[in-house]
Amino acid sequence: MQPGPTERGFLLVEALVALAIAALMAALVYDTVWQMGRTATVAADQRQALLLARSVLAAASVPGPGSPIPARGTDGRLAWAITSEAYTEAAADGLALRTVRVEVSDAASGRTLARLTSLKARQ
């Protein structure tokens, strides 16, 4: 017995549907892997920026006249800026303090990656 005209094309439709589902799944997997890679890159950039911010803040907090590190600078793809201002809260022991802030950003886009704030005794 030979298949009728409607039964002959049925296998082709099944194959096309299966191919469409496979293509959709491949696209979803590709998008997920791309997003994971992008997230890993952003996390690595933020980790590098935080390490730089800690180093700059430590250098800016060295006691003595002035600062041993410039107020602005770059390190590869990262740029930092140091700001310092008088601490407005009165210290209990009368110690004069100042607030030191370090902001590290992507030098190309200007996007802030890390920001640290600390107190330093005024000289």
C-alpha atoms as a PDB file:
ATOM      1  CA  MET A   1       0.000   0.000   0.000  1.00  0.00           C
ATOM      2  CA  GLN A   2       1.431   3.381  -1.024  1.00  0.00           C
ATOM      3  CA  PRO A   3       1.257   6.452   1.293  1.00  0.00           C
ATOM      4  CA  GLY A   4      -1.266   9.096   0.316  1.00  0.00           C
ATOM      5  CA  PRO A   5      -0.301  12.648  -0.703  1.00  0.00           C
ATOM      6  CA  THR A   6      -0.802  14.020   2.821  1.00  0.00           C
ATOM      7  CA  GLU A   7       1.340  11.319   4.428  1.00  0.00           C
ATOM      8  CA  ARG A   8       4.297  11.814   2.039  1.00  0.00           C
ATOM      9  CA  GLY A   9       5.071  15.364   3.204  1.00  0.00           C
ATOM     10  CA  PHE A  10       4.590  14.621   6.871  1.00  0.00           C
ATOM     11  CA  LEU A  11       8.189  13.442   7.413  1.00  0.00           C
ATOM     12  CA  LEU A  12       9.546  16.623   5.826  1.00  0.00           C
ATOM     13  CA  VAL A  13       7.485  18.798   8.190  1.00  0.00           C
ATOM     14  CA  GLU A  14       8.673  16.744  11.168  1.00  0.00           C
ATOM     15  CA  ALA A  15      12.290  17.162  10.075  1.00  0.00           C
ATOM     16  CA  LEU A  16      11.863  20.948   9.634  1.00  0.00           C
ATOM     17  CA  VAL A  17      10.257  21.303  13.068  1.00  0.00           C
ATOM     18  CA  ALA A  18      13.052  19.273  14.665  1.00  0.00           C
ATOM     19  CA  LEU A  19      15.643  21.413  12.858  1.00  0.00           C
ATOM     20  CA  ALA A  20      13.941  24.629  14.022  1.00  0.00           C
ATOM     21  CA  ILE A  21      13.889  23.399  17.630  1.00  0.00           C
ATOM     22  CA  ALA A  22      17.573  22.419  17.427  1.00  0.00           C
ATOM     23  CA  ALA A  23      18.475  25.850  15.991  1.00  0.00           C
ATOM     24  CA  LEU A  24      16.532  27.594  18.767  1.00  0.00           C
ATOM     25  CA  MET A  25      18.283  25.532  21.435  1.00  0.00           C
ATOM     26  CA  ALA A  26      21.694  26.248  19.868  1.00  0.00           C
ATOM     27  CA  ALA A  27      20.943  29.986  19.862  1.00  0.00           C
ATOM     28  CA  LEU A  28      19.942  29.888  23.539  1.00  0.00           C
ATOM     29  CA  VAL A  29      23.076  27.975  24.500  1.00  0.00           C
ATOM     30  CA  TYR A  30      25.272  30.401  22.529  1.00  0.00           C
ATOM     31  CA  ASP A  31      23.632  33.408  24.214  1.00  0.00           C
ATOM     32  CA  THR A  32      24.059  31.864  27.667  1.00  0.00           C
ATOM     33  CA  VAL A  33      27.734  31.075  27.080  1.00  0.00           C
ATOM     34  CA  TRP A  34      28.337  34.608  25.733  1.00  0.00           C
ATOM     35  CA  GLN A  35      26.667  36.169  28.802  1.00  0.00           C
ATOM     36  CA  MET A  36      28.736  33.986  31.141  1.00  0.00           C
ATOM     37  CA  GLY A  37      31.915  35.084  29.363  1.00  0.00           C
ATOM     38  CA  ARG A  38      30.912  38.738  29.592  1.00  0.00           C
ATOM     39  CA  THR A  39      30.086  38.376  33.299  1.00  0.00           C
ATOM     40  CA  ALA A  40      33.476  36.763  33.924  1.00  0.00           C
ATOM     41  CA  THR A  41      35.207  39.633  32.107  1.00  0.00           C
ATOM     42  CA  VAL A  42      33.353  42.264  34.145  1.00  0.00           C
ATOM     43  CA  ALA A  43      34.167  40.417  37.385  1.00  0.00           C
ATOM     44  CA  ALA A  44      37.854  40.249  36.435  1.00  0.00           C
ATOM     45  CA  ASP A  45      37.884  43.985  35.620  1.00  0.00           C
ATOM     46  CA  GLN A  46      36.252  44.817  38.965  1.00  0.00           C
ATOM     47  CA  ARG A  47      38.698  42.571  40.855  1.00  0.00           C
ATOM     48  CA  GLN A  48      41.661  44.284  39.139  1.00  0.00           C
ATOM     49  CA  ALA A  49      40.167  47.721  39.876  1.00  0.00           C
ATOM     50  CA  LEU A  50      39.670  46.836  43.542  1.00  0.00           C
ATOM     51  CA  LEU A  51      43.293  45.682  43.856  1.00  0.00           C
ATOM     52  CA  LEU A  52      44.459  48.939  42.272  1.00  0.00           C
ATOM     53  CA  ALA A  53      42.162  50.990  44.538  1.00  0.00           C
ATOM     54  CA  ARG A  54      43.560  49.260  47.624  1.00  0.00           C
ATOM     55  CA  SER A  55      47.133  49.904  46.495  1.00  0.00           C
ATOM     56  CA  VAL A  56      46.467  53.560  45.705  1.00  0.00           C
ATOM     57  CA  LEU A  57      44.609  54.075  49.004  1.00  0.00           C
ATOM     58  CA  ALA A  58      47.490  52.471  50.926  1.00  0.00           C
ATOM     59  CA  ALA A  59      50.016  54.698  49.148  1.00  0.00           C
ATOM     60  CA  ALA A  60      47.878  57.792  49.747  1.00  0.00           C
ATOM     61  CA  SER A  61      47.614  56.935  53.451  1.00  0.00           C
ATOM     62  CA  VAL A  62      51.374  56.877  54.078  1.00  0.00           C
ATOM     63  CA  PRO A  63      52.129  59.351  56.855  1.00  0.00           C
ATOM     64  CA  GLY A  64      54.203  62.374  56.060  1.00  0.00           C
ATOM     65  CA  PRO A  65      53.906  65.672  54.259  1.00  0.00           C
ATOM     66  CA  GLY A  66      52.033  65.480  50.996  1.00  0.00           C
ATOM     67  CA  SER A  67      51.167  62.263  49.221  1.00  0.00           C
ATOM     68  CA  PRO A  68      53.705  59.899  47.669  1.00  0.00           C
ATOM     69  CA  ILE A  69      51.272  59.225  44.827  1.00  0.00           C
ATOM     70  CA  PRO A  70      49.737  61.691  42.347  1.00  0.00           C
ATOM     71  CA  ALA A  71      46.049  62.622  42.697  1.00  0.00           C
ATOM     72  CA  ARG A  72      45.277  61.158  39.263  1.00  0.00           C
ATOM     73  CA  GLY A  73      46.902  58.458  37.209  1.00  0.00           C
ATOM     74  CA  THR A  74      46.489  55.447  34.978  1.00  0.00           C
ATOM     75  CA  ASP A  75      47.561  51.847  35.131  1.00  0.00           C
ATOM     76  CA  GLY A  76      46.964  50.102  31.823  1.00  0.00           C
ATOM     77  CA  ARG A  77      43.230  50.264  31.080  1.00  0.00           C
ATOM     78  CA  LEU A  78      42.391  51.629  34.535  1.00  0.00           C
ATOM     79  CA  ALA A  79      42.450  55.238  35.731  1.00  0.00           C
ATOM     80  CA  TRP A  80      42.322  56.404  39.344  1.00  0.00           C
ATOM     81  CA  ALA A  81      41.507  59.633  41.133  1.00  0.00           C
ATOM     82  CA  ILE A  82      42.186  60.504  44.778  1.00  0.00           C
ATOM     83  CA  THR A  83      40.119  63.107  46.606  1.00  0.00           C
ATOM     84  CA  SER A  84      40.732  64.285  50.137  1.00  0.00           C
ATOM     85  CA  GLU A  85      38.638  66.527  52.354  1.00  0.00           C
ATOM     86  CA  ALA A  86      38.330  67.394  56.027  1.00  0.00           C
ATOM     87  CA  TYR A  87      36.352  64.883  58.076  1.00  0.00           C
ATOM     88  CA  THR A  88      33.324  66.731  59.432  1.00  0.00           C
ATOM     89  CA  GLU A  89      32.561  64.543  62.468  1.00  0.00           C
ATOM     90  CA  ALA A  90      34.344  65.653  65.616  1.00  0.00           C
ATOM     91  CA  ALA A  91      36.750  63.056  66.966  1.00  0.00           C
ATOM     92  CA  ALA A  92      36.389  62.271  70.680  1.00  0.00           C
ATOM     93  CA  ASP A  93      40.103  62.656  71.355  1.00  0.00           C
ATOM     94  CA  GLY A  94      40.482  65.832  69.288  1.00  0.00           C
ATOM     95  CA  LEU A  95      42.402  64.085  66.510  1.00  0.00           C
ATOM     96  CA  ALA A  96      42.046  65.939  63.212  1.00  0.00           C
ATOM     97  CA  LEU A  97      41.012  63.567  60.442  1.00  0.00           C
ATOM     98  CA  ARG A  98      40.498  63.783  56.717  1.00  0.00           C
ATOM     99  CA  THR A  99      38.509  61.574  54.361  1.00  0.00           C
ATOM    100  CA  VAL A 100      40.479  59.998  51.529  1.00  0.00           C
ATOM    101  CA  ARG A 101      38.525  58.584  48.573  1.00  0.00           C
ATOM    102  CA  VAL A 102      39.925  56.563  45.707  1.00  0.00           C
ATOM    103  CA  GLU A 103      37.848  55.947  42.597  1.00  0.00           C
ATOM    104  CA  VAL A 104      39.057  53.582  39.891  1.00  0.00           C
ATOM    105  CA  SER A 105      37.388  53.625  36.490  1.00  0.00           C
ATOM    106  CA  ASP A 106      37.832  52.168  33.029  1.00  0.00           C
ATOM    107  CA  ALA A 107      40.077  54.652  31.220  1.00  0.00           C
ATOM    108  CA  ALA A 108      38.304  54.172  27.886  1.00  0.00           C
ATOM    109  CA  SER A 109      34.643  54.309  28.941  1.00  0.00           C
ATOM    110  CA  GLY A 110      34.896  56.196  32.233  1.00  0.00           C
ATOM    111  CA  ARG A 111      32.727  53.568  33.960  1.00  0.00           C
ATOM    112  CA  THR A 112      33.468  53.398  37.707  1.00  0.00           C
ATOM    113  CA  LEU A 113      34.709  49.948  38.703  1.00  0.00           C
ATOM    114  CA  ALA A 114      35.742  50.461  42.345  1.00  0.00           C
ATOM    115  CA  ARG A 115      35.432  53.146  45.001  1.00  0.00           C
ATOM    116  CA  LEU A 116      37.108  53.045  48.425  1.00  0.00           C
ATOM    117  CA  THR A 117      36.928  55.565  51.286  1.00  0.00           C
ATOM    118  CA  SER A 118      39.118  55.757  54.380  1.00  0.00           C
ATOM    119  CA  LEU A 119      40.047  58.147  57.176  1.00  0.00           C
ATOM    120  CA  LYS A 120      43.578  59.472  57.655  1.00  0.00           C
ATOM    121  CA  ALA A 121      45.012  61.539  60.456  1.00  0.00           C
ATOM    122  CA  ARG A 122      45.898  65.054  59.330  1.00  0.00           C
ATOM    123  CA  GLN A 123      49.554  65.980  59.619  1.00  0.00           C
END
